[in-house]
Each structure stands twice: as structure tokens, then as C-alpha cells.
């Protein structure tokens, strides 16, 4: 199964509460933090919500 490396590149400070909660559910709290998540529909949905704050790359 493919995985995604997700990095927070913009601050979540001052964003709407739903977007902050989505970032935190991905395990991201500070700029520069990275997490590896499974590439599935649920993760893709979260990325779609806050994609403007993230940098996403595929990991094999």
C-alpha cells in the first residue's frame, strides 16, 4: 500500500477551527512537521480540505 509524506508548510495560526482540527488529526501542529499517512480516501479528503497549508509527496 502506498503512503503519503505530509509536511505542514504554512502556519495554522489564525485559520478557521475546522482547518486547525484537520491539521491536528493528521498529526501536524508546527510548521515543518512531517508525518507519514496511508494513501486512502479518508486521508485524501483531509488533504483536500487544507491542501493550501501542506506539501504532499508519495512514499513507496
PDB file of N, CA and C in Angstrom:
ATOM      1  N   UNK A   1       0.841  -1.182   0.000  1.00  0.00           N
ATOM      2  CA  UNK A   1       0.000   0.000   0.000  1.00  0.00           C
ATOM      3  C   UNK A   1       0.888   1.249   0.000  1.00  0.00           C
ATOM      4  N   UNK A   2       0.549   2.174  -0.831  1.00  0.00           N
ATOM      5  CA  UNK A   2       1.303   3.424  -0.920  1.00  0.00           C
ATOM      6  C   UNK A   2       1.041   4.291   0.310  1.00  0.00           C
ATOM      7  N   UNK A   3       2.019   5.128   0.601  1.00  0.00           N
ATOM      8  CA  UNK A   3       1.879   6.040   1.718  1.00  0.00           C
ATOM      9  C   UNK A   3       2.214   7.449   1.265  1.00  0.00           C
ATOM     10  N   UNK A   4       1.735   8.418   2.024  1.00  0.00           N
ATOM     11  CA  UNK A   4       1.960   9.821   1.709  1.00  0.00           C
ATOM     12  C   UNK A   4       2.773  10.478   2.816  1.00  0.00           C
ATOM     13  N   UNK A   5       3.758  11.270   2.423  1.00  0.00           N
ATOM     14  CA  UNK A   5       4.517  12.078   3.364  1.00  0.00           C
ATOM     15  C   UNK A   5       3.902  13.468   3.318  1.00  0.00           C
ATOM     16  N   UNK A   6       3.395  13.921   4.449  1.00  0.00           N
ATOM     17  CA  UNK A   6       2.689  15.195   4.519  1.00  0.00           C
ATOM     18  C   UNK A   6       3.470  16.145   5.407  1.00  0.00           C
ATOM     19  N   UNK A   7       3.745  17.346   4.897  1.00  0.00           N
ATOM     20  CA  UNK A   7       4.524  18.343   5.632  1.00  0.00           C
ATOM     21  C   UNK A   7       3.715  19.633   5.740  1.00  0.00           C
ATOM     22  N   UNK A   8       3.662  20.195   6.931  1.00  0.00           N
ATOM     23  CA  UNK A   8       2.976  21.470   7.147  1.00  0.00           C
ATOM     24  C   UNK A   8       3.930  22.595   6.762  1.00  0.00           C
ATOM     25  N   UNK A   9       3.578  23.382   5.744  1.00  0.00           N
ATOM     26  CA  UNK A   9       4.473  24.433   5.260  1.00  0.00           C
ATOM     27  C   UNK A   9       3.966  25.839   5.575  1.00  0.00           C
ATOM     28  N   UNK A  10       2.707  25.959   5.971  1.00  0.00           N
ATOM     29  CA  UNK A  10       2.159  27.256   6.371  1.00  0.00           C
ATOM     30  C   UNK A  10       1.542  27.121   7.754  1.00  0.00           C
ATOM     31  N   UNK A  11       1.533  28.195   8.500  1.00  0.00           N
ATOM     32  CA  UNK A  11       1.032  28.188   9.866  1.00  0.00           C
ATOM     33  C   UNK A  11      -0.478  27.939   9.919  1.00  0.00           C
ATOM     34  N   UNK A  12      -0.896  27.232  10.976  1.00  0.00           N
ATOM     35  CA  UNK A  12      -2.337  27.043  11.186  1.00  0.00           C
ATOM     36  C   UNK A  12      -2.898  28.136  12.104  1.00  0.00           C
ATOM     37  N   UNK A  13      -2.020  28.995  12.572  1.00  0.00           N
ATOM     38  CA  UNK A  13      -2.442  30.098  13.424  1.00  0.00           C
ATOM     39  C   UNK A  13      -3.352  31.040  12.642  1.00  0.00           C
ATOM     40  N   UNK A  14      -4.483  31.371  13.201  1.00  0.00           N
ATOM     41  CA  UNK A  14      -5.417  32.294  12.571  1.00  0.00           C
ATOM     42  C   UNK A  14      -6.343  31.650  11.557  1.00  0.00           C
ATOM     43  N   UNK A  15      -6.264  30.343  11.379  1.00  0.00           N
ATOM     44  CA  UNK A  15      -7.146  29.632  10.437  1.00  0.00           C
ATOM     45  C   UNK A  15      -8.448  29.291  11.142  1.00  0.00           C
ATOM     46  N   UNK A  16      -9.452  28.900  10.368  1.00  0.00           N
ATOM     47  CA  UNK A  16     -10.720  28.523  10.990  1.00  0.00           C
ATOM     48  C   UNK A  16     -10.533  27.219  11.769  1.00  0.00           C
ATOM     49  N   UNK A  17     -11.343  27.033  12.783  1.00  0.00           N
ATOM     50  CA  UNK A  17     -11.181  25.928  13.719  1.00  0.00           C
ATOM     51  C   UNK A  17     -11.226  24.558  13.043  1.00  0.00           C
ATOM     52  N   UNK A  18     -12.045  24.388  12.033  1.00  0.00           N
ATOM     53  CA  UNK A  18     -12.141  23.106  11.333  1.00  0.00           C
ATOM     54  C   UNK A  18     -10.821  22.755  10.647  1.00  0.00           C
ATOM     55  N   UNK A  19     -10.153  23.747  10.094  1.00  0.00           N
ATOM     56  CA  UNK A  19      -8.885  23.500   9.416  1.00  0.00           C
ATOM     57  C   UNK A  19      -7.784  23.169  10.420  1.00  0.00           C
ATOM     58  N   UNK A  20      -7.801  23.829  11.565  1.00  0.00           N
ATOM     59  CA  UNK A  20      -6.835  23.523  12.618  1.00  0.00           C
ATOM     60  C   UNK A  20      -7.034  22.092  13.103  1.00  0.00           C
ATOM     61  N   UNK A  21      -8.286  21.699  13.315  1.00  0.00           N
ATOM     62  CA  UNK A  21      -8.594  20.348  13.778  1.00  0.00           C
ATOM     63  C   UNK A  21      -8.176  19.301  12.741  1.00  0.00           C
ATOM     64  N   UNK A  22      -8.349  19.606  11.474  1.00  0.00           N
ATOM     65  CA  UNK A  22      -7.950  18.683  10.412  1.00  0.00           C
ATOM     66  C   UNK A  22      -6.431  18.503  10.402  1.00  0.00           C
ATOM     67  N   UNK A  23      -5.687  19.590  10.536  1.00  0.00           N
ATOM     68  CA  UNK A  23      -4.221  19.504  10.576  1.00  0.00           C
ATOM     69  C   UNK A  23      -3.773  18.683  11.778  1.00  0.00           C
ATOM     70  N   UNK A  24      -4.392  18.903  12.908  1.00  0.00           N
ATOM     71  CA  UNK A  24      -4.021  18.164  14.112  1.00  0.00           C
ATOM     72  C   UNK A  24      -4.392  16.690  13.996  1.00  0.00           C
ATOM     73  N   UNK A  25      -5.470  16.375  13.287  1.00  0.00           N
ATOM     74  CA  UNK A  25      -5.841  14.976  13.106  1.00  0.00           C
ATOM     75  C   UNK A  25      -4.846  14.248  12.210  1.00  0.00           C
ATOM     76  N   UNK A  26      -4.123  14.998  11.384  1.00  0.00           N
ATOM     77  CA  UNK A  26      -3.050  14.424  10.574  1.00  0.00           C
ATOM     78  C   UNK A  26      -1.734  14.350  11.354  1.00  0.00           C
ATOM     79  N   UNK A  27      -1.732  14.873  12.580  1.00  0.00           N
ATOM     80  CA  UNK A  27      -0.531  14.841  13.409  1.00  0.00           C
ATOM     81  C   UNK A  27       0.382  16.025  13.200  1.00  0.00           C
ATOM     82  N   UNK A  28      -0.141  17.124  12.667  1.00  0.00           N
ATOM     83  CA  UNK A  28       0.665  18.313  12.357  1.00  0.00           C
ATOM     84  C   UNK A  28       0.257  19.471  13.260  1.00  0.00           C
ATOM     85  N   UNK A  29       1.230  20.021  13.976  1.00  0.00           N
ATOM     86  CA  UNK A  29       0.947  21.141  14.863  1.00  0.00           C
ATOM     87  C   UNK A  29       1.845  22.350  14.582  1.00  0.00           C
ATOM     88  N   UNK A  30       3.080  22.098  14.148  1.00  0.00           N
ATOM     89  CA  UNK A  30       4.042  23.181  13.920  1.00  0.00           C
ATOM     90  C   UNK A  30       4.508  23.172  12.470  1.00  0.00           C
ATOM     91  N   UNK A  31       4.915  24.334  11.982  1.00  0.00           N
ATOM     92  CA  UNK A  31       5.462  24.437  10.634  1.00  0.00           C
ATOM     93  C   UNK A  31       6.707  23.554  10.550  1.00  0.00           C
ATOM     94  N   UNK A  32       6.807  22.804   9.464  1.00  0.00           N
ATOM     95  CA  UNK A  32       7.959  21.949   9.251  1.00  0.00           C
ATOM     96  C   UNK A  32       7.766  20.523   9.727  1.00  0.00           C
ATOM     97  N   UNK A  33       6.713  20.265  10.502  1.00  0.00           N
ATOM     98  CA  UNK A  33       6.468  18.898  10.948  1.00  0.00           C
ATOM     99  C   UNK A  33       6.042  18.037   9.776  1.00  0.00           C
ATOM    100  N   UNK A  34       6.482  16.784   9.802  1.00  0.00           N
ATOM    101  CA  UNK A  34       6.133  15.828   8.760  1.00  0.00           C
ATOM    102  C   UNK A  34       5.498  14.602   9.391  1.00  0.00           C
ATOM    103  N   UNK A  35       4.618  13.969   8.652  1.00  0.00           N
ATOM    104  CA  UNK A  35       4.011  12.726   9.080  1.00  0.00           C
ATOM    105  C   UNK A  35       3.807  11.844   7.860  1.00  0.00           C
ATOM    106  N   UNK A  36       3.780  10.546   8.089  1.00  0.00           N
ATOM    107  CA  UNK A  36       3.512   9.602   7.008  1.00  0.00           C
ATOM    108  C   UNK A  36       2.168   8.951   7.283  1.00  0.00           C
ATOM    109  N   UNK A  37       1.275   9.070   6.314  1.00  0.00           N
ATOM    110  CA  UNK A  37      -0.086   8.565   6.443  1.00  0.00           C
ATOM    111  C   UNK A  37      -0.377   7.608   5.295  1.00  0.00           C
ATOM    112  N   UNK A  38      -1.313   6.675   5.491  1.00  0.00           N
ATOM    113  CA  UNK A  38      -1.682   5.778   4.389  1.00  0.00           C
ATOM    114  C   UNK A  38      -2.412   6.546   3.294  1.00  0.00           C
ATOM    115  N   UNK A  39      -2.213   6.127   2.064  1.00  0.00           N
ATOM    116  CA  UNK A  39      -2.870   6.771   0.927  1.00  0.00           C
ATOM    117  C   UNK A  39      -4.248   6.134   0.743  1.00  0.00           C
ATOM    118  N   UNK A  40      -5.234   6.698   1.417  1.00  0.00           N
ATOM    119  CA  UNK A  40      -6.597   6.191   1.284  1.00  0.00           C
ATOM    120  C   UNK A  40      -7.563   7.362   1.134  1.00  0.00           C
ATOM    121  N   UNK A  41      -8.816   7.057   0.988  1.00  0.00           N
ATOM    122  CA  UNK A  41      -9.828   8.081   0.734  1.00  0.00           C
ATOM    123  C   UNK A  41      -9.962   9.068   1.893  1.00  0.00           C
ATOM    124  N   UNK A  42      -9.872   8.576   3.112  1.00  0.00           N
ATOM    125  CA  UNK A  42     -10.011   9.436   4.284  1.00  0.00           C
ATOM    126  C   UNK A  42      -8.871  10.454   4.356  1.00  0.00           C
ATOM    127  N   UNK A  43      -7.651   9.997   4.147  1.00  0.00           N
ATOM    128  CA  UNK A  43      -6.501  10.898   4.174  1.00  0.00           C
ATOM    129  C   UNK A  43      -6.571  11.896   3.030  1.00  0.00           C
ATOM    130  N   UNK A  44      -6.943  11.436   1.843  1.00  0.00           N
ATOM    131  CA  UNK A  44      -7.066  12.336   0.686  1.00  0.00           C
ATOM    132  C   UNK A  44      -8.119  13.421   0.938  1.00  0.00           C
ATOM    133  N   UNK A  45      -9.189  13.073   1.636  1.00  0.00           N
ATOM    134  CA  UNK A  45     -10.226  14.049   1.965  1.00  0.00           C
ATOM    135  C   UNK A  45      -9.708  15.137   2.882  1.00  0.00           C
ATOM    136  N   UNK A  46      -8.904  14.741   3.867  1.00  0.00           N
ATOM    137  CA  UNK A  46      -8.317  15.712   4.786  1.00  0.00           C
ATOM    138  C   UNK A  46      -7.354  16.636   4.044  1.00  0.00           C
ATOM    139  N   UNK A  47      -6.554  16.049   3.162  1.00  0.00           N
ATOM    140  CA  UNK A  47      -5.598  16.845   2.387  1.00  0.00           C
ATOM    141  C   UNK A  47      -6.330  17.845   1.494  1.00  0.00           C
ATOM    142  N   UNK A  48      -7.451  17.430   0.927  1.00  0.00           N
ATOM    143  CA  UNK A  48      -8.223  18.315   0.053  1.00  0.00           C
ATOM    144  C   UNK A  48      -8.730  19.535   0.814  1.00  0.00           C
ATOM    145  N   UNK A  49      -9.066  19.347   2.091  1.00  0.00           N
ATOM    146  CA  UNK A  49      -9.578  20.442   2.915  1.00  0.00           C
ATOM    147  C   UNK A  49      -8.535  21.515   3.178  1.00  0.00           C
ATOM    148  N   UNK A  50      -7.317  21.075   3.488  1.00  0.00           N
ATOM    149  CA  UNK A  50      -6.277  22.027   3.892  1.00  0.00           C
ATOM    150  C   UNK A  50      -5.032  21.934   3.013  1.00  0.00           C
ATOM    151  N   UNK A  51      -5.212  21.583   1.773  1.00  0.00           N
ATOM    152  CA  UNK A  51      -4.095  21.413   0.854  1.00  0.00           C
ATOM    153  C   UNK A  51      -3.245  22.653   0.678  1.00  0.00           C
ATOM    154  N   UNK A  52      -3.830  23.820   0.879  1.00  0.00           N
ATOM    155  CA  UNK A  52      -3.088  25.070   0.721  1.00  0.00           C
ATOM    156  C   UNK A  52      -2.067  25.281   1.840  1.00  0.00           C
ATOM    157  N   UNK A  53      -2.119  24.459   2.898  1.00  0.00           N
ATOM    158  CA  UNK A  53      -1.177  24.553   4.012  1.00  0.00           C
ATOM    159  C   UNK A  53      -0.102  23.471   3.958  1.00  0.00           C
ATOM    160  N   UNK A  54      -0.253  22.524   3.027  1.00  0.00           N
ATOM    161  CA  UNK A  54       0.561  21.318   3.043  1.00  0.00           C
ATOM    162  C   UNK A  54       1.432  21.151   1.813  1.00  0.00           C
ATOM    163  N   UNK A  55       2.438  20.285   1.979  1.00  0.00           N
ATOM    164  CA  UNK A  55       3.240  19.800   0.875  1.00  0.00           C
ATOM    165  C   UNK A  55       3.157  18.270   0.972  1.00  0.00           C
ATOM    166  N   UNK A  56       2.685  17.629  -0.104  1.00  0.00           N
ATOM    167  CA  UNK A  56       2.441  16.190  -0.072  1.00  0.00           C
ATOM    168  C   UNK A  56       3.312  15.495  -1.119  1.00  0.00           C
ATOM    169  N   UNK A  57       3.989  14.428  -0.694  1.00  0.00           N
ATOM    170  CA  UNK A  57       4.772  13.603  -1.611  1.00  0.00           C
ATOM    171  C   UNK A  57       4.426  12.142  -1.355  1.00  0.00           C
ATOM    172  N   UNK A  58       4.577  11.334  -2.396  1.00  0.00           N
ATOM    173  CA  UNK A  58       4.276   9.916  -2.284  1.00  0.00           C
ATOM    174  C   UNK A  58       5.530   9.157  -1.860  1.00  0.00           C
ATOM    175  N   UNK A  59       5.351   8.212  -0.942  1.00  0.00           N
ATOM    176  CA  UNK A  59       6.446   7.386  -0.447  1.00  0.00           C
ATOM    177  C   UNK A  59       6.109   5.943  -0.783  1.00  0.00           C
ATOM    178  N   UNK A  60       7.074   5.204  -1.286  1.00  0.00           N
ATOM    179  CA  UNK A  60       6.847   3.786  -1.619  1.00  0.00           C
ATOM    180  C   UNK A  60       7.156   2.906  -0.452  1.00  0.00           C
TER     181      UNK A  60
END
